[in-house]
Protein backbone atom coordinates (compact mmCIF):
# COMPACT_ATOMS: atom_id res chain seq x y z
CA UNK A 1 68.15 -88.43 41.57
CA UNK A 2 70.96 -89.26 42.85
CA UNK A 3 74.74 -88.59 41.75
CA UNK A 4 75.21 -92.47 40.90
CA UNK A 5 72.35 -92.36 38.56
CA UNK A 6 73.07 -89.43 36.77
CA UNK A 7 76.54 -90.43 35.99
CA UNK A 8 74.81 -93.52 34.67
CA UNK A 9 72.23 -91.39 32.34
CA UNK A 10 74.96 -89.52 31.24
CA UNK A 11 76.72 -92.63 30.38
CA UNK A 12 73.95 -94.49 28.71
CA UNK A 13 72.91 -91.10 26.67
CA UNK A 14 76.90 -90.39 25.44
CA UNK A 15 77.72 -94.15 24.62
CA UNK A 16 74.26 -93.88 22.14
CA UNK A 17 75.47 -90.90 20.89
CA UNK A 18 78.73 -92.48 19.86
CA UNK A 19 76.78 -95.79 18.79
CA UNK A 20 74.41 -93.44 16.48
CA UNK A 21 77.43 -91.14 15.12
CA UNK A 22 80.04 -94.67 14.58
CA UNK A 23 76.79 -96.31 12.68
CA UNK A 24 76.46 -93.41 10.70
CA UNK A 25 79.88 -92.79 9.33
CA UNK A 26 80.11 -96.64 8.67
CA UNK A 27 76.89 -95.88 6.29
CA UNK A 28 78.56 -92.68 5.20
CA UNK A 29 81.67 -95.00 4.12
CA UNK A 30 79.74 -97.42 2.77
CA UNK A 31 77.42 -95.04 0.58
CA UNK A 32 80.71 -93.35 -0.66
CA UNK A 33 82.42 -96.57 -1.38
CA UNK A 34 78.91 -97.87 -3.26
CA UNK A 35 79.04 -94.40 -4.78
CA UNK A 36 82.39 -93.53 -5.52
CA UNK A 37 83.43 -97.03 -6.79
CA UNK A 38 87.50 -96.96 -6.71
CA UNK A 39 88.19 -100.50 -6.49
CA UNK A 40 90.57 -101.96 -9.34
CA UNK A 41 88.58 -103.40 -11.81
CA UNK A 42 89.97 -106.93 -11.31
CA UNK A 43 89.04 -107.22 -8.01
CA UNK A 44 85.88 -109.01 -6.60
CA UNK A 45 83.27 -106.51 -4.92
CA UNK A 46 80.35 -107.61 -2.76
CA UNK A 47 77.06 -105.29 -2.51
CA UNK A 48 74.45 -105.80 0.41
CA UNK A 49 71.53 -102.97 0.35
CA UNK A 50 67.87 -102.86 1.48
CA UNK A 51 65.08 -102.86 -1.01
CA UNK A 52 61.72 -101.33 -1.57
CA UNK A 53 60.11 -102.69 -4.52
CA UNK A 54 56.30 -102.97 -5.66
CA UNK A 55 55.04 -105.62 -8.03
CA UNK A 56 51.75 -107.11 -9.35
CA UNK A 57 52.13 -110.59 -7.17
CA UNK A 58 53.47 -109.35 -4.13
CA UNK A 59 52.35 -105.36 -3.89
CA UNK A 60 54.94 -103.51 -1.18
CA UNK A 61 57.64 -106.18 -1.02
CA UNK A 62 60.55 -105.56 1.78
CA UNK A 63 64.07 -106.93 1.25
CA UNK A 64 67.32 -107.25 1.93
CA UNK A 65 69.83 -107.99 -1.72
CA UNK A 66 73.46 -109.05 -2.08
CA UNK A 67 75.56 -108.99 -5.60
CA UNK A 68 78.97 -110.72 -5.89
CA UNK A 69 80.94 -110.28 -8.99
CA UNK A 70 84.23 -111.64 -9.53
CA UNK A 71 86.52 -112.79 -12.67
CA UNK A 72 88.11 -115.88 -12.54
CA UNK A 73 91.59 -115.44 -11.47
CA UNK A 74 90.90 -111.54 -11.32
CA UNK A 75 91.98 -111.89 -15.12
CA UNK A 76 89.47 -109.17 -16.79
CA UNK A 77 89.57 -110.92 -20.08
CA UNK A 78 87.95 -113.76 -18.70
CA UNK A 79 83.56 -113.52 -18.33
CA UNK A 80 82.28 -111.61 -15.49
CA UNK A 81 80.71 -113.99 -12.83
CA UNK A 82 78.00 -112.94 -10.71
CA UNK A 83 76.25 -114.67 -7.68
CA UNK A 84 73.25 -112.53 -6.61
CA UNK A 85 70.67 -113.13 -3.42
CA UNK A 86 67.75 -112.05 -1.88
CA UNK A 87 65.87 -113.09 1.18
CA UNK A 88 62.22 -111.07 1.16
CA UNK A 89 58.76 -110.27 2.75
CA UNK A 90 56.07 -108.79 1.16
CA UNK A 91 52.14 -107.61 2.26
CA UNK A 92 51.05 -110.36 1.03
CA UNK A 93 52.52 -112.31 3.22
CA UNK A 94 55.00 -113.95 1.52
CA UNK A 95 58.65 -115.01 2.14
CA UNK A 96 61.52 -116.34 0.81
CA UNK A 97 65.10 -116.88 0.21
CA UNK A 98 66.45 -116.62 -3.52
CA UNK A 99 69.78 -117.17 -4.73
CA UNK A 100 70.85 -116.65 -8.92
CA UNK A 101 74.20 -117.49 -10.44
CA UNK A 102 75.99 -117.20 -13.90
CA UNK A 103 79.66 -118.53 -13.24
CA UNK A 104 82.17 -119.10 -15.77
CA UNK A 105 85.58 -120.65 -14.85
CA UNK A 106 89.25 -119.95 -16.04
CA UNK A 107 88.68 -119.28 -20.07
CA UNK A 108 84.96 -120.30 -19.98
CA UNK A 109 86.04 -123.93 -19.77
CA UNK A 110 82.99 -124.58 -17.26
CA UNK A 111 80.07 -122.74 -17.21
CA UNK A 112 77.25 -123.08 -14.57
CA UNK A 113 73.82 -121.11 -14.28
CA UNK A 114 71.01 -122.11 -12.53
CA UNK A 115 68.52 -120.75 -9.43
CA UNK A 116 67.32 -121.85 -6.23
CA UNK A 117 64.02 -120.58 -4.90
CA UNK A 118 62.67 -121.09 -0.93
CA UNK A 119 59.58 -119.36 -0.55
CA UNK A 120 56.03 -119.68 1.04
CA UNK A 121 54.24 -117.59 -1.24
CA UNK A 122 50.70 -117.34 -1.53
CA UNK A 123 49.54 -116.86 -5.32
CA UNK A 124 46.50 -116.13 -7.42
CA UNK A 125 45.48 -118.81 -9.06
CA UNK A 126 43.16 -117.20 -11.99
CA UNK A 127 42.39 -120.84 -14.01
CA UNK A 128 44.30 -122.10 -17.18
CA UNK A 129 44.43 -121.23 -20.40
CA UNK A 130 44.70 -117.92 -22.40
CA UNK A 131 41.14 -116.78 -21.84
CA UNK A 132 41.49 -117.48 -18.07
CA UNK A 133 39.06 -114.61 -16.29
CA UNK A 134 40.56 -111.59 -14.78
CA UNK A 135 39.15 -111.91 -11.27
CA UNK A 136 41.36 -114.74 -9.53
CA UNK A 137 39.44 -118.34 -8.62
CA UNK A 138 41.18 -119.31 -5.78
CA UNK A 139 44.34 -118.03 -3.25
CA UNK A 140 46.50 -120.79 -3.16
CA UNK A 141 48.69 -121.18 -0.27
CA UNK A 142 51.94 -123.15 -0.57
CA UNK A 143 55.50 -123.98 0.21
CA UNK A 144 57.49 -123.71 -2.56
CA UNK A 145 61.51 -125.42 -3.69
CA UNK A 146 63.08 -124.64 -7.34
CA UNK A 147 66.16 -125.77 -7.59
CA UNK A 148 67.40 -125.48 -11.36
CA UNK A 149 70.91 -126.28 -12.68
CA UNK A 150 73.03 -126.33 -15.45
CA UNK A 151 76.81 -127.66 -15.96
CA UNK A 152 77.95 -127.08 -19.23
CA UNK A 153 81.41 -127.66 -20.65
CA UNK A 154 83.09 -125.53 -23.71
CA UNK A 155 83.16 -127.51 -26.68
CA UNK A 156 83.59 -125.16 -29.03
CA UNK A 157 84.06 -121.02 -29.12
CA UNK A 158 81.07 -119.47 -26.99
CA UNK A 159 79.46 -123.24 -27.21
CA UNK A 160 78.37 -124.86 -24.13
CA UNK A 161 77.14 -128.34 -23.92
CA UNK A 162 75.90 -130.21 -20.47
CA UNK A 163 73.49 -131.42 -18.39
CA UNK A 164 70.66 -129.74 -16.59
CA UNK A 165 68.65 -130.49 -13.81
CA UNK A 166 65.44 -128.83 -12.48
CA UNK A 167 63.73 -129.68 -9.19
CA UNK A 168 60.32 -128.78 -7.45
CA UNK A 169 58.53 -128.86 -5.10
CA UNK A 170 55.45 -127.85 -3.88
CA UNK A 171 54.04 -129.22 -0.45
CA UNK A 172 51.26 -127.83 2.16
CA UNK A 173 49.17 -126.39 -0.61
CA UNK A 174 45.68 -125.32 0.10
CA UNK A 175 42.97 -123.64 -2.30
CA UNK A 176 41.05 -120.80 -0.63
CA UNK A 177 38.59 -120.26 -3.21
CA UNK A 178 36.49 -117.23 -3.89
CA UNK A 179 32.84 -117.57 -2.81
CA UNK A 180 31.16 -117.59 -6.64
CA UNK A 181 33.58 -120.78 -7.40
CA UNK A 182 32.09 -122.63 -4.61
CA UNK A 183 30.71 -126.15 -6.10
CA UNK A 184 31.89 -124.77 -9.77
CA UNK A 185 35.40 -124.87 -9.38
CA UNK A 186 37.93 -127.06 -11.01
CA UNK A 187 41.21 -128.26 -9.10
CA UNK A 188 44.08 -128.50 -11.40
CA UNK A 189 46.70 -131.25 -11.57
CA UNK A 190 49.25 -130.96 -8.68
CA UNK A 191 46.54 -129.82 -6.37
CA UNK A 192 47.27 -131.86 -3.45
CA UNK A 193 51.51 -130.91 -4.02
CA UNK A 194 53.54 -132.62 -6.33
CA UNK A 195 57.79 -133.28 -6.16
CA UNK A 196 59.00 -133.76 -9.79
CA UNK A 197 62.66 -133.85 -10.40
CA UNK A 198 63.56 -133.04 -14.08
CA UNK A 199 66.79 -134.78 -15.97
CA UNK A 200 68.29 -133.68 -18.97
CA UNK A 201 70.34 -132.16 -21.12
CA UNK A 202 70.70 -128.49 -23.16
CA UNK A 203 73.05 -126.56 -25.33
CA UNK A 204 74.14 -122.80 -25.07
CA UNK A 205 75.66 -120.23 -27.40
CA UNK A 206 76.65 -117.46 -25.54
CA UNK A 207 79.17 -114.63 -26.17
CA UNK A 208 78.14 -112.10 -23.60
CA UNK A 209 81.08 -110.63 -21.53
CA UNK A 210 79.02 -109.55 -18.80
CA UNK A 211 75.66 -111.16 -17.90
CA UNK A 212 74.39 -107.95 -15.98
CA UNK A 213 74.48 -105.78 -18.44
CA UNK A 214 75.13 -106.73 -22.19
CA UNK A 215 76.27 -104.18 -24.67
CA UNK A 216 77.07 -106.54 -27.56
CA UNK A 217 76.46 -110.26 -27.88
CA UNK A 218 74.15 -112.98 -28.31
CA UNK A 219 72.73 -115.97 -26.21
CA UNK A 220 70.67 -119.13 -27.27
CA UNK A 221 69.52 -122.20 -24.65
CA UNK A 222 67.97 -125.05 -26.30
CA UNK A 223 67.25 -127.48 -23.21
CA UNK A 224 65.04 -130.70 -22.64
CA UNK A 225 64.21 -132.11 -19.36
CA UNK A 226 61.80 -135.07 -18.52
CA UNK A 227 60.54 -136.02 -14.81
CA UNK A 228 59.02 -139.81 -14.42
CA UNK A 229 58.16 -141.53 -11.51
CA UNK A 230 60.63 -143.76 -12.16
CA UNK A 231 63.14 -141.24 -10.32
CA UNK A 232 60.76 -140.32 -7.54
CA UNK A 233 59.00 -137.81 -9.38
CA UNK A 234 55.34 -137.52 -9.02
CA UNK A 235 54.00 -136.99 -12.42
CA UNK A 236 55.82 -137.83 -15.75
CA UNK A 237 56.10 -135.38 -18.27
CA UNK A 238 58.69 -133.44 -20.51
CA UNK A 239 59.41 -129.14 -21.29
CA UNK A 240 61.65 -128.24 -24.09
CA UNK A 241 62.64 -124.72 -23.52
CA UNK A 242 64.25 -122.00 -25.76
CA UNK A 243 65.52 -118.93 -24.54
CA UNK A 244 67.25 -116.65 -27.80
CA UNK A 245 68.63 -113.16 -26.72
CA UNK A 246 70.44 -110.16 -29.07
CA UNK A 247 72.33 -107.20 -28.21
CA UNK A 248 73.58 -104.58 -30.55
CA UNK A 249 75.26 -101.20 -29.75
CA UNK A 250 73.48 -98.19 -30.99
CA UNK A 251 75.99 -95.48 -31.19
CA UNK A 252 78.44 -95.31 -27.99
CA UNK A 253 76.26 -95.06 -25.32
CA UNK A 254 73.00 -97.05 -26.74
CA UNK A 255 71.39 -100.76 -26.99
CA UNK A 256 68.97 -102.61 -28.70
CA UNK A 257 68.16 -105.83 -27.05
CA UNK A 258 65.52 -108.04 -28.04
CA UNK A 259 64.20 -111.61 -26.66
CA UNK A 260 62.71 -114.83 -27.91
CA UNK A 261 61.49 -116.78 -25.02
CA UNK A 262 59.72 -120.61 -25.91
CA UNK A 263 58.20 -123.38 -23.53
CA UNK A 264 56.58 -126.56 -24.38
CA UNK A 265 55.03 -128.92 -21.96
CA UNK A 266 53.72 -132.53 -22.59
CA UNK A 267 52.57 -134.97 -20.35
CA UNK A 268 50.79 -135.02 -17.10
CA UNK A 269 52.01 -131.08 -15.92
CA UNK A 270 51.13 -129.85 -12.86
CA UNK A 271 49.94 -126.73 -12.67
CA UNK A 272 52.63 -125.15 -10.78
CA UNK A 273 54.93 -126.16 -13.58
CA UNK A 274 53.24 -124.93 -16.32
CA UNK A 275 54.10 -122.35 -18.57
CA UNK A 276 53.45 -119.05 -16.95
CA UNK A 277 53.38 -115.89 -18.33
CA UNK A 278 54.27 -112.52 -16.56
CA UNK A 279 57.41 -111.44 -13.95
CA UNK A 280 60.07 -109.20 -13.72
CA UNK A 281 61.81 -110.50 -16.75
CA UNK A 282 59.43 -110.78 -19.51
CA UNK A 283 55.77 -109.70 -20.00
CA UNK A 284 56.51 -107.44 -17.20
CA UNK A 285 53.05 -105.53 -15.48
CA UNK A 286 51.68 -109.07 -15.82
CA UNK A 287 51.56 -111.07 -12.66
CA UNK A 288 53.43 -114.44 -13.11
CA UNK A 289 51.09 -117.33 -13.85
CA UNK A 290 48.46 -114.56 -14.38
CA UNK A 291 48.00 -117.09 -17.46
CA UNK A 292 49.15 -120.08 -17.60
CA UNK A 293 48.77 -123.15 -20.02
CA UNK A 294 51.18 -126.16 -21.37
CA UNK A 295 53.09 -123.94 -23.60
CA UNK A 296 54.23 -120.11 -24.05
CA UNK A 297 55.34 -118.03 -26.37
CA UNK A 298 56.93 -114.30 -25.70
CA UNK A 299 58.87 -111.66 -27.17
CA UNK A 300 60.36 -108.45 -26.13
CA UNK A 301 62.72 -105.31 -27.20
CA UNK A 302 64.13 -102.66 -24.96
CA UNK A 303 65.96 -99.95 -26.06
CA UNK A 304 68.73 -98.73 -23.23
CA UNK A 305 70.67 -95.60 -22.94
CA UNK A 306 73.53 -96.20 -20.50
CA UNK A 307 73.90 -93.59 -19.61
CA UNK A 308 71.68 -90.40 -20.24
CA UNK A 309 72.97 -87.73 -22.07
CA UNK A 310 73.11 -85.44 -19.24
CA UNK A 311 76.02 -82.77 -17.95
CA UNK A 312 76.31 -83.10 -14.39
CA UNK A 313 76.41 -87.41 -14.31
CA UNK A 314 77.16 -90.25 -16.30
CA UNK A 315 75.83 -92.47 -13.70
CA UNK A 316 71.92 -92.26 -14.72
CA UNK A 317 70.33 -94.12 -17.44
CA UNK A 318 66.86 -95.15 -18.91
CA UNK A 319 65.45 -97.82 -21.31
CA UNK A 320 61.91 -98.26 -22.88
CA UNK A 321 60.82 -102.02 -23.72
CA UNK A 322 57.53 -103.53 -24.97
CA UNK A 323 56.57 -107.34 -25.10
CA UNK A 324 53.82 -109.64 -26.16
CA UNK A 325 53.26 -113.46 -25.63
CA UNK A 326 50.65 -116.30 -24.78
CA UNK A 327 49.78 -119.33 -23.95
CA UNK A 328 47.97 -122.42 -25.62
CA UNK A 329 47.14 -125.52 -25.30
CA UNK A 330 47.54 -126.16 -28.71
CA UNK A 331 48.95 -124.65 -32.01
CA UNK A 332 44.89 -123.85 -32.94
CA UNK A 333 45.09 -121.62 -30.32
CA UNK A 334 47.95 -119.30 -31.79
CA UNK A 335 46.58 -116.26 -33.32
CA UNK A 336 46.78 -112.57 -33.02
CA UNK A 337 43.64 -111.80 -30.66
CA UNK A 338 45.26 -114.26 -28.21
CA UNK A 339 48.04 -112.04 -27.48
CA UNK A 340 48.89 -110.50 -24.70
CA UNK A 341 50.79 -107.09 -24.49
CA UNK A 342 52.71 -104.84 -22.11
CA UNK A 343 55.42 -102.15 -21.68
CA UNK A 344 56.59 -99.24 -20.02
CA UNK A 345 59.90 -97.66 -18.87
CA UNK A 346 62.58 -97.13 -16.62
CA UNK A 347 65.40 -95.53 -14.75
CA UNK A 348 68.90 -97.18 -14.06
CA UNK A 349 72.01 -96.08 -11.86
CA UNK A 350 75.56 -97.58 -12.51
CA UNK A 351 76.48 -98.91 -9.52
CA UNK A 352 80.04 -100.37 -10.30
CA UNK A 353 81.17 -98.17 -13.18
CA UNK A 354 84.35 -100.66 -14.06
CA UNK A 355 82.26 -103.17 -14.32
CA UNK A 356 79.58 -101.27 -15.95
CA UNK A 357 76.89 -103.18 -13.52
CA UNK A 358 73.02 -100.74 -13.08
CA UNK A 359 70.64 -101.05 -11.34
CA UNK A 360 66.87 -101.16 -12.71
CA UNK A 361 63.44 -98.88 -11.75
CA UNK A 362 60.58 -100.61 -14.05
CA UNK A 363 57.59 -99.64 -14.79
CA UNK A 364 55.35 -101.82 -17.04
CA UNK A 365 51.55 -100.94 -17.75
CA UNK A 366 49.35 -103.78 -19.06
CA UNK A 367 45.33 -103.38 -20.12
CA UNK A 368 45.00 -105.43 -16.61
CA UNK A 369 47.13 -102.31 -14.31
CA UNK A 370 50.65 -102.29 -14.05
CA UNK A 371 53.65 -102.91 -11.82
CA UNK A 372 57.21 -101.82 -10.60
CA UNK A 373 60.00 -103.66 -10.44
CA UNK A 374 63.66 -103.35 -9.01
CA UNK A 375 66.61 -105.27 -9.76
CA UNK A 376 69.89 -105.01 -10.49
CA UNK A 377 71.21 -106.16 -13.59
CA UNK A 378 68.84 -105.98 -16.76
CA UNK A 379 65.52 -108.20 -16.98
CA UNK A 380 67.33 -109.90 -19.92
């Protein structure tokens, strides 16, 4: 090897080592900033981190998440606002981009609550109804856009009233049938895709100060949405949505939380906008959409220990939870035997001590299996 080549090789190795050391130092500083939060409580904070999770609807999932939290005008008497982003890829060839937000203006004059979903999400379709078979009938490939926004104005203390809008688009739909279903499968309404714009109004009673981890509070939403071909919707239908949550402190660190959720649809509802049971928030452990029908009722209870009484750290917590729910086409289908159950437990890690924000790692089980969930903030 010539001297020139030798010097070049040495220089490349040196630069690689310097780059590796710098990257390691950057990671150490970021990890130290994350674990040892010294930021003033009034300062906005941004967190970006990779995720690895498992859930029934995705199997293994690799993603990149971000969270931005702040107080309006950096005034801690205002409520904590949060904007979260999430991009992912799963071993089921699912990928997408999510954004969620709960934004409070100064003195809560305005409250913006919404979510956006852009995803290619092959899903398992088991059919419609509470007695749909465990074995899925078809694999549905599709591209989905979901935009849901509430623009609410404070009309009294903790009481908000305003407009709600929801747009859902399902395109490129392809039902891949299982061999056993060929010739007997009934394609649901919306099997060729649809675009539906729902317009309506909502009323919210909300006294939460930190939506990511409520220690003591109450939240209740009642909303009405209507989709109509008059404003470029494929189908005509209406939806009533109800969500009530209560949080009670137990002792110094523990919280008992409960939620009752209802969704009721009327008219020609496409299969992708039927009430769907399961997911990462309520009825954890069930594949999201495992059961679907026009209506849904579900409830859950969770006991949170934040933190656990450990001598060596105050940043580890835990939770246990249980839920029950059902989907139905009419009230005659409502009965105890039709209820589904799930339950589980999880660990918590305190990310931002001064803002009391935790990340959750939950494992839920049902009679059909289980699921692991990793998210920032509590499930409800």
